Amino acid sequence: MKAKIISQPCHERLPLWKHIPLTTPFVIFLEPSGYCNLKCVFCVHGAAGQKLKKDFMSVKLFEKLIDDLSAFPDKIKMLRVCGNGEPLMNKNILKMLQYAQEKKISEKTELITNGILLTTDLIENLPRFLDRIIISIEGLCSADYQQICNTKINFQNLLDNLGALYSHRGKCIIHIKIHNEAIFSESRKKTFFDMFSSICDEVYIENLVPMWPQLNTAYSTNKFRYEGELIKRQTCVQIFKGVQVQADGEVVPCCIDWKRVNVIGDTNKNSLFEIWNSEKLRKLQIEHLSGKKGKIEPCKDCLMNDCCDFDNIDPYVEECMQRLCRK
C-alpha cells in the first residue's frame, strides 16, 4: 500500500486545557458555500436541506475575515475551509485561497470537499494554496452515490480527477476518507484501498456517527468516529478552540449548530477578534464549564465531542474556569 492509513485529525496535539482561555483560536472554520451538490442521507442537506440557511461567501467578506485574523497576537494553527456546504461550489474559491495564502495568517490551511466538482483549473491550482485537501468519498461506484447521496455522478470521472489532483499535489497532502456504511464487507474494504491508496498520501475508513443534533439518524452511538469507543463528555471543547463562520458572515460556536441556535456574532458588523473575545462566547464557555450543557440548545443533544474529538477537558474544568474568570 502506497498511502499511509491515518485518520484526518491532527495527531500532534497541544493539551487544550492548559491553554484555556486562548488569546488566539487554534482553528477558524470558514464556509465558502452553504450549498452542496449532494444530498447524503446522513447529512443535513439530505435529511433537512430545506431548513438550512444557504449562501455563497463573497470575496470581499472572505478577504475581510482573513484580514481580521491579523489582529490576533499569534497565527492561528489551522484555517479549515469547510462548513455545511461544498466549498468548490463557490466560483471564487481559488481567488479566496490565494488571498489567504498570501496573507500567511495560519500555520496550515486545509479544505474539505467531496471532489466531484474538480475541474482542470482546480486540479492544477488548489494544491498551490493548501497544505492538505481532504476528500470525502461516499461509495465505490455511481450506483452507491445514487443510493447514499441521492445524486447521479460519473464515478470514473471522479477517480480520474482525483488521480490528476494527486499528480499535481506538489507539497500539498491529499487525504481520502470513506465511511464504514459504504464499506460493509472485507471485499469492499479491499476494493476501496485498491482504488484509492495509489492516488493519495493518506487514506482512512471512518465510522459514520450521529454527530448532528436535531437530526434523526439510525447510526450507532457506541463507536468513536476514528477508532475505539466513544467517551461521554460533559464539557464541549469546540467552543474553546475555534469558531465557524458561515457563508453569510454569521458566526456559530461550531459547525454542528446547523440551525444557528447560538449565533454569537456577525462578521459583517464585528471583527473575528471582537467576536472571539465577546461576552456571548464567554458566557457559553462558562455555562459549559459550570456543567450546564444539558440545559443549552443544541448542545444538550450534541454528540460531536463524544464521537469525534480527541480533546477532553472534563477533568480540568475547575482550573479552566479559574483562568477564564481571571481574564
Protein backbone atom coordinates (compact mmCIF):
# COMPACT_ATOMS: atom_id res chain seq x y z
CA MET A 1 0.00 0.00 0.00
CA LYS A 2 1.35 3.38 -1.02
CA ALA A 3 -0.78 5.71 1.12
CA LYS A 4 -0.48 5.96 4.89
CA ILE A 5 -3.54 4.70 6.78
CA ILE A 6 -4.24 7.52 9.20
CA SER A 7 -7.29 9.47 10.40
CA GLN A 8 -7.67 13.10 9.45
CA PRO A 9 -7.38 14.90 12.86
CA CYS A 10 -4.03 16.34 13.86
CA HIS A 11 -2.14 13.71 15.84
CA GLU A 12 0.38 16.14 17.33
CA ARG A 13 -1.95 17.94 19.72
CA LEU A 14 -1.36 20.55 22.36
CA PRO A 15 -3.23 19.85 25.64
CA LEU A 16 -6.19 22.19 25.13
CA TRP A 17 -6.99 22.54 28.84
CA LYS A 18 -3.57 24.07 29.55
CA HIS A 19 -4.19 26.91 27.09
CA ILE A 20 -7.74 27.94 28.03
CA PRO A 21 -8.57 30.75 27.55
CA LEU A 22 -6.90 31.01 24.15
CA THR A 23 -5.83 34.52 23.16
CA THR A 24 -5.63 33.23 19.59
CA PRO A 25 -8.00 30.48 18.39
CA PHE A 26 -6.38 27.23 17.39
CA VAL A 27 -8.67 26.93 14.36
CA ILE A 28 -11.08 29.03 12.32
CA PHE A 29 -13.62 27.32 10.05
CA LEU A 30 -14.73 29.34 7.01
CA GLU A 31 -17.67 28.26 4.84
CA PRO A 32 -17.34 29.44 1.21
CA SER A 33 -20.63 27.77 0.29
CA GLY A 34 -23.70 26.81 2.27
CA TYR A 35 -24.92 24.86 -0.78
CA CYS A 36 -23.99 21.27 -1.57
CA ASN A 37 -24.16 19.24 -4.79
CA LEU A 38 -25.03 16.07 -2.85
CA LYS A 39 -27.98 15.09 -0.65
CA CYS A 40 -26.43 12.42 1.57
CA VAL A 41 -28.90 10.52 3.73
CA PHE A 42 -26.84 11.09 6.91
CA CYS A 43 -26.33 14.84 6.37
CA VAL A 44 -28.48 17.89 6.98
CA HIS A 45 -28.56 18.52 3.21
CA GLY A 46 -30.21 15.18 2.60
CA ALA A 47 -32.37 14.97 5.70
CA ALA A 48 -33.18 18.61 6.36
CA GLY A 49 -31.77 20.60 3.47
CA GLN A 50 -34.76 22.90 3.10
CA LYS A 51 -34.29 24.22 6.65
CA LEU A 52 -30.70 25.31 6.14
CA LYS A 53 -29.70 28.92 5.64
CA LYS A 54 -27.65 28.84 2.45
CA ASP A 55 -25.45 31.43 0.80
CA PHE A 56 -22.20 31.88 -1.07
CA MET A 57 -19.48 33.82 0.72
CA SER A 58 -18.34 36.89 -1.22
CA VAL A 59 -14.69 37.51 -1.98
CA LYS A 60 -14.98 40.80 -0.10
CA LEU A 61 -16.18 39.10 3.09
CA PHE A 62 -13.61 36.30 2.81
CA GLU A 63 -10.78 38.80 2.45
CA LYS A 64 -12.15 40.80 5.38
CA LEU A 65 -12.10 37.64 7.53
CA ILE A 66 -8.52 36.85 6.56
CA ASP A 67 -7.53 40.43 7.42
CA ASP A 68 -9.36 40.07 10.75
CA LEU A 69 -7.05 37.23 11.72
CA SER A 70 -4.05 39.56 11.72
CA ALA A 71 -5.45 41.21 14.89
CA PHE A 72 -4.71 38.12 17.00
CA PRO A 73 -1.36 38.02 18.80
CA ASP A 74 -0.32 34.78 17.06
CA LYS A 75 -1.05 32.90 13.85
CA ILE A 76 -3.97 30.52 14.10
CA LYS A 77 -2.80 26.93 13.85
CA MET A 78 -5.37 25.93 11.25
CA LEU A 79 -7.63 27.62 8.72
CA ARG A 80 -10.17 25.00 7.69
CA VAL A 81 -12.18 25.84 4.60
CA CYS A 82 -15.39 23.93 5.13
CA GLY A 83 -18.87 24.15 6.62
CA ASN A 84 -22.28 22.71 5.90
CA GLY A 85 -21.81 23.02 2.14
CA GLU A 86 -19.38 22.08 -0.64
CA PRO A 87 -16.57 24.69 -0.94
CA LEU A 88 -15.95 24.05 -4.64
CA MET A 89 -19.44 25.33 -5.46
CA ASN A 90 -18.13 28.85 -4.84
CA LYS A 91 -16.79 30.03 -8.20
CA ASN A 92 -14.29 32.33 -6.45
CA ILE A 93 -12.69 29.62 -4.32
CA LEU A 94 -9.24 29.87 -5.93
CA LYS A 95 -9.14 33.64 -5.55
CA MET A 96 -10.09 33.28 -1.89
CA LEU A 97 -7.48 30.62 -1.14
CA GLN A 98 -4.76 32.56 -2.92
CA TYR A 99 -5.51 35.61 -0.76
CA ALA A 100 -5.33 33.53 2.43
CA GLN A 101 -2.00 32.05 1.36
CA GLU A 102 -0.52 35.44 0.51
CA LYS A 103 -1.51 36.89 3.90
CA LYS A 104 0.12 33.96 5.77
CA ILE A 105 -2.35 34.15 8.67
CA SER A 106 -2.32 30.43 9.56
CA GLU A 107 0.26 27.75 10.15
CA LYS A 108 -1.75 25.39 7.92
CA THR A 109 -4.71 25.69 5.57
CA GLU A 110 -6.98 22.76 4.71
CA LEU A 111 -10.04 22.28 2.52
CA ILE A 112 -12.68 19.56 2.78
CA THR A 113 -14.50 18.57 -0.41
CA ASN A 114 -16.39 15.68 -2.00
CA GLY A 115 -14.18 16.17 -5.07
CA ILE A 116 -16.98 15.81 -7.61
CA LEU A 117 -16.70 19.38 -8.91
CA LEU A 118 -12.97 19.24 -9.61
CA THR A 119 -12.01 20.86 -12.92
CA THR A 120 -8.68 21.17 -14.70
CA ASP A 121 -8.22 24.64 -13.24
CA LEU A 122 -8.98 23.48 -9.70
CA ILE A 123 -6.82 20.37 -10.06
CA GLU A 124 -3.84 22.43 -11.14
CA ASN A 125 -4.24 25.29 -8.66
CA LEU A 126 -5.85 24.08 -5.43
CA PRO A 127 -2.64 22.37 -4.22
CA ARG A 128 -0.72 25.63 -4.70
CA PHE A 129 -2.71 27.33 -1.94
CA LEU A 130 -3.36 24.47 0.51
CA ASP A 131 -1.39 22.28 2.90
CA ARG A 132 -3.92 19.47 2.76
CA ILE A 133 -7.02 18.58 0.78
CA ILE A 134 -9.44 16.16 2.45
CA ILE A 135 -11.74 14.31 0.05
CA SER A 136 -14.86 12.60 1.39
CA ILE A 137 -15.78 9.54 -0.68
CA GLU A 138 -19.33 8.21 -0.28
CA GLY A 139 -19.24 4.98 -2.28
CA LEU A 140 -17.34 2.73 -4.67
CA CYS A 141 -19.41 3.26 -7.82
CA SER A 142 -22.02 5.54 -9.34
CA ALA A 143 -24.84 3.35 -8.01
CA ASP A 144 -23.54 3.80 -4.44
CA TYR A 145 -23.69 7.56 -4.83
CA GLN A 146 -27.24 7.35 -6.15
CA GLN A 147 -28.26 5.32 -3.10
CA ILE A 148 -26.30 7.18 -0.40
CA CYS A 149 -26.24 10.72 -1.83
CA ASN A 150 -29.44 10.75 -3.89
CA THR A 151 -27.33 12.16 -6.70
CA LYS A 152 -26.22 10.86 -10.08
CA ILE A 153 -22.47 11.19 -10.60
CA ASN A 154 -19.85 9.88 -13.02
CA PHE A 155 -17.71 7.81 -10.67
CA GLN A 156 -14.98 7.11 -13.21
CA ASN A 157 -14.65 10.84 -13.84
CA LEU A 158 -14.25 11.35 -10.07
CA LEU A 159 -11.50 8.72 -9.95
CA ASP A 160 -9.70 10.26 -12.92
CA ASN A 161 -9.86 13.74 -11.42
CA LEU A 162 -8.54 12.56 -8.06
CA GLY A 163 -5.66 10.85 -9.81
CA ALA A 164 -4.88 14.09 -11.65
CA LEU A 165 -5.11 16.07 -8.42
CA TYR A 166 -2.63 13.71 -6.79
CA SER A 167 -0.18 14.14 -9.66
CA HIS A 168 -0.41 17.94 -9.27
CA ARG A 169 -0.25 17.93 -5.48
CA GLY A 170 3.29 19.21 -5.02
CA LYS A 171 3.77 19.66 -1.26
CA CYS A 172 0.02 19.51 -0.58
CA ILE A 173 -1.14 16.34 1.23
CA ILE A 174 -4.08 14.51 -0.34
CA HIS A 175 -6.24 12.72 2.25
CA ILE A 176 -9.05 10.42 1.08
CA LYS A 177 -11.62 9.04 3.50
CA ILE A 178 -14.78 6.99 3.31
CA HIS A 179 -17.37 5.99 5.94
CA ASN A 180 -17.89 2.46 7.19
CA GLU A 181 -21.51 2.27 5.98
CA ALA A 182 -20.12 2.22 2.43
CA ILE A 183 -17.52 -0.41 3.39
CA PHE A 184 -19.69 -3.18 4.79
CA SER A 185 -17.57 -6.19 3.79
CA GLU A 186 -13.93 -7.19 3.60
CA SER A 187 -14.12 -7.34 -0.19
CA ARG A 188 -15.40 -3.74 -0.37
CA LYS A 189 -12.70 -2.67 2.08
CA LYS A 190 -10.08 -4.19 -0.21
CA THR A 191 -11.69 -2.54 -3.23
CA PHE A 192 -11.55 0.84 -1.53
CA PHE A 193 -7.86 0.57 -0.70
CA ASP A 194 -7.07 -0.81 -4.16
CA MET A 195 -8.89 2.12 -5.80
CA PHE A 196 -7.51 4.98 -3.77
CA SER A 197 -4.28 4.13 -1.96
CA SER A 198 -2.17 4.89 -5.04
CA ILE A 199 -3.72 8.34 -5.63
CA CYS A 200 -3.43 9.87 -2.16
CA ASP A 201 -0.93 10.37 0.65
CA GLU A 202 -3.33 9.42 3.45
CA VAL A 203 -6.33 7.11 3.42
CA TYR A 204 -8.83 6.08 6.10
CA ILE A 205 -12.18 4.42 6.80
CA GLU A 206 -14.18 6.44 9.35
CA ASN A 207 -17.14 5.27 11.40
CA LEU A 208 -20.33 7.07 10.47
CA VAL A 209 -21.60 8.58 13.72
CA PRO A 210 -24.67 10.66 14.72
CA MET A 211 -22.82 13.95 15.20
CA TRP A 212 -25.66 16.25 14.12
CA PRO A 213 -28.06 17.38 16.88
CA GLN A 214 -31.71 17.90 15.97
CA LEU A 215 -31.31 15.39 13.15
CA ASN A 216 -32.64 11.86 13.47
CA THR A 217 -30.27 9.15 12.20
CA ALA A 218 -30.18 5.40 12.61
CA TYR A 219 -26.44 5.18 13.14
CA SER A 220 -24.92 3.66 16.26
CA THR A 221 -23.68 5.88 19.10
CA ASN A 222 -21.32 3.33 20.64
CA LYS A 223 -18.43 3.92 18.24
CA PHE A 224 -15.84 6.66 18.00
CA ARG A 225 -15.53 8.23 14.55
CA TYR A 226 -11.92 7.14 14.15
CA GLU A 227 -11.04 4.27 16.48
CA GLY A 228 -12.22 2.85 19.78
CA GLU A 229 -15.29 3.53 21.91
CA LEU A 230 -16.87 6.91 22.42
CA ILE A 231 -16.29 8.75 25.69
CA LYS A 232 -19.12 10.78 27.19
CA ARG A 233 -18.06 14.41 27.63
CA GLN A 234 -19.79 16.94 29.87
CA THR A 235 -17.95 19.98 28.51
CA CYS A 236 -17.73 20.95 24.86
CA VAL A 237 -14.19 21.50 23.60
CA GLN A 238 -15.21 23.07 20.28
CA ILE A 239 -16.21 26.39 21.86
CA PHE A 240 -12.78 26.83 23.43
CA LYS A 241 -10.57 26.32 20.38
CA GLY A 242 -12.33 27.95 17.43
CA VAL A 243 -15.49 29.18 15.71
CA GLN A 244 -17.38 28.52 12.48
CA VAL A 245 -18.05 31.44 10.13
CA GLN A 246 -20.99 30.73 7.84
CA ALA A 247 -21.15 31.87 4.24
CA ASP A 248 -23.24 34.96 5.06
CA GLY A 249 -20.85 36.04 7.83
CA GLU A 250 -22.79 34.82 10.85
CA VAL A 251 -20.66 33.06 13.46
CA VAL A 252 -21.66 29.98 15.46
CA PRO A 253 -19.51 28.20 18.06
CA CYS A 254 -19.17 25.15 15.78
CA CYS A 255 -20.49 23.72 12.51
CA ILE A 256 -22.76 21.32 14.40
CA ASP A 257 -25.12 24.22 15.17
CA TRP A 258 -26.62 23.94 11.69
CA LYS A 259 -29.88 25.59 12.77
CA ARG A 260 -27.86 28.55 14.12
CA VAL A 261 -29.40 28.44 17.56
CA ASN A 262 -26.34 30.06 19.15
CA VAL A 263 -25.28 32.84 16.80
CA ILE A 264 -22.51 34.61 18.70
CA GLY A 265 -21.72 37.31 16.18
CA ASP A 266 -21.83 38.69 12.65
CA THR A 267 -18.55 39.37 10.87
CA ASN A 268 -20.28 41.92 8.66
CA LYS A 269 -20.61 44.06 11.79
CA ASN A 270 -17.74 42.99 14.04
CA SER A 271 -14.26 41.55 13.65
CA LEU A 272 -13.34 37.96 14.42
CA PHE A 273 -11.13 39.30 17.19
CA GLU A 274 -14.12 41.06 18.80
CA ILE A 275 -16.36 38.01 18.43
CA TRP A 276 -13.72 35.67 19.87
CA ASN A 277 -13.43 37.92 22.92
CA SER A 278 -17.17 38.65 23.17
CA GLU A 279 -19.39 38.24 26.20
CA LYS A 280 -21.67 35.89 24.22
CA LEU A 281 -18.93 33.34 23.66
CA ARG A 282 -17.51 33.78 27.16
CA LYS A 283 -20.98 33.19 28.69
CA LEU A 284 -21.39 29.97 26.67
CA GLN A 285 -17.94 28.77 27.76
CA ILE A 286 -18.71 29.46 31.43
CA GLU A 287 -22.05 27.65 31.18
CA HIS A 288 -20.31 24.55 29.83
CA LEU A 289 -17.62 24.67 32.50
CA SER A 290 -20.40 25.01 35.09
CA GLY A 291 -21.96 21.71 33.98
CA LYS A 292 -24.96 23.26 32.23
CA LYS A 293 -24.53 21.62 28.83
CA GLY A 294 -27.76 19.68 29.36
CA LYS A 295 -29.74 22.94 29.51
CA ILE A 296 -28.31 24.52 26.35
CA GLU A 297 -29.72 24.13 22.83
CA PRO A 298 -28.46 22.45 20.68
CA CYS A 299 -25.55 21.39 22.91
CA LYS A 300 -27.66 19.12 25.10
CA ASP A 301 -28.26 16.69 22.22
CA CYS A 302 -24.85 17.05 20.55
CA LEU A 303 -22.56 14.02 20.33
CA MET A 304 -19.75 15.73 18.43
CA ASN A 305 -17.26 15.61 21.30
CA ASP A 306 -18.29 12.10 22.40
CA CYS A 307 -17.96 10.65 18.90
CA CYS A 308 -15.41 12.76 17.07
CA ASP A 309 -12.94 14.71 19.19
CA PHE A 310 -9.74 13.57 20.90
CA ASP A 311 -9.67 16.56 23.25
CA ASN A 312 -11.22 16.21 26.70
CA ILE A 313 -11.22 18.99 29.30
CA ASP A 314 -13.69 17.42 31.74
CA PRO A 315 -11.02 16.58 34.35
CA TYR A 316 -9.77 20.18 34.29
CA VAL A 317 -12.96 22.29 34.34
CA GLU A 318 -12.23 23.95 37.69
CA GLU A 319 -8.76 25.03 36.62
CA CYS A 320 -10.08 26.26 33.27
CA MET A 321 -12.86 28.18 34.99
CA GLN A 322 -10.41 29.92 37.33
CA ARG A 323 -8.22 31.07 34.45
CA LEU A 324 -11.19 32.09 32.34
CA CYS A 325 -12.71 34.20 35.11
CA ARG A 326 -9.39 35.89 35.87
CA LYS A 327 -9.07 37.13 32.30
